[in-house]
Amino acid sequence: MKNPIEFVREVRQEAGKITWAGRRETVVTTGMVFVFVTLAAIFFLLVDQAISAVVQFLLRLI
């Protein structure tokens, strides 16, 4: 069990080592996330439509 004061001191020391992303990196990364989410949504929409068409075709055969 560590001394609470020593623990807080170590936490502050480790927190000082954190390097935060800059504004440009944050904007670029956010843009990439939006692009990939949009592409994934379109992909799953197309897959859903294809599966739906196949199921409807199979149900008409019965």
Protein backbone atom coordinates (compact mmCIF):
# COMPACT_ATOMS: atom_id res chain seq x y z
CA MET A 1 0.00 0.00 0.00
CA LYS A 2 1.46 3.33 -1.07
CA ASN A 3 1.35 6.59 0.77
CA PRO A 4 -1.59 8.60 -0.72
CA ILE A 5 0.54 11.75 -1.01
CA GLU A 6 3.24 9.84 -2.90
CA PHE A 7 0.57 8.31 -5.14
CA VAL A 8 -0.86 11.74 -6.03
CA ARG A 9 2.66 13.03 -6.71
CA GLU A 10 3.32 10.12 -9.11
CA VAL A 11 0.00 10.64 -10.85
CA ARG A 12 0.78 14.33 -11.43
CA GLN A 13 4.23 13.37 -12.72
CA GLU A 14 2.76 10.85 -15.19
CA ALA A 15 0.06 13.32 -16.26
CA GLY A 16 2.82 15.77 -17.13
CA LYS A 17 4.17 13.26 -19.69
CA ILE A 18 0.96 13.31 -21.72
CA THR A 19 1.27 14.86 -25.17
CA TRP A 20 -2.03 16.21 -26.42
CA ALA A 21 -2.97 16.28 -30.09
CA GLY A 22 -2.79 19.67 -31.76
CA ARG A 23 -5.72 21.43 -33.40
CA ARG A 24 -4.74 20.37 -36.93
CA GLU A 25 -4.35 16.70 -35.97
CA THR A 26 -7.69 16.75 -34.16
CA VAL A 27 -9.49 18.29 -37.15
CA VAL A 28 -7.90 15.83 -39.61
CA THR A 29 -8.68 12.83 -37.41
CA THR A 30 -12.27 13.98 -36.88
CA GLY A 31 -12.69 14.40 -40.63
CA MET A 32 -11.36 10.89 -41.23
CA VAL A 33 -13.80 9.48 -38.69
CA PHE A 34 -16.74 11.19 -40.43
CA VAL A 35 -15.60 9.91 -43.84
CA PHE A 36 -15.19 6.32 -42.67
CA VAL A 37 -18.49 6.36 -40.77
CA THR A 38 -20.23 7.61 -43.92
CA LEU A 39 -18.55 4.92 -46.05
CA ALA A 40 -19.50 2.22 -43.53
CA ALA A 41 -23.10 3.45 -43.46
CA ILE A 42 -23.32 3.35 -47.25
CA PHE A 43 -21.74 -0.11 -47.35
CA PHE A 44 -24.17 -1.53 -44.79
CA LEU A 45 -27.10 0.14 -46.55
CA LEU A 46 -26.13 -1.57 -49.81
CA VAL A 47 -25.59 -4.94 -48.11
CA ASP A 48 -28.94 -4.61 -46.33
CA GLN A 49 -30.70 -3.78 -49.60
CA ALA A 50 -29.08 -6.75 -51.34
CA ILE A 51 -30.02 -9.18 -48.57
CA SER A 52 -33.54 -7.76 -48.50
CA ALA A 53 -33.89 -8.28 -52.27
CA VAL A 54 -32.65 -11.88 -52.01
CA VAL A 55 -35.03 -12.67 -49.13
CA GLN A 56 -37.99 -11.12 -50.94
CA PHE A 57 -37.13 -13.12 -54.07
CA LEU A 58 -36.92 -16.35 -52.07
CA LEU A 59 -40.23 -15.64 -50.31
CA ARG A 60 -41.95 -15.13 -53.67
CA LEU A 61 -40.82 -18.61 -54.74
CA ILE A 62 -42.60 -20.26 -51.83
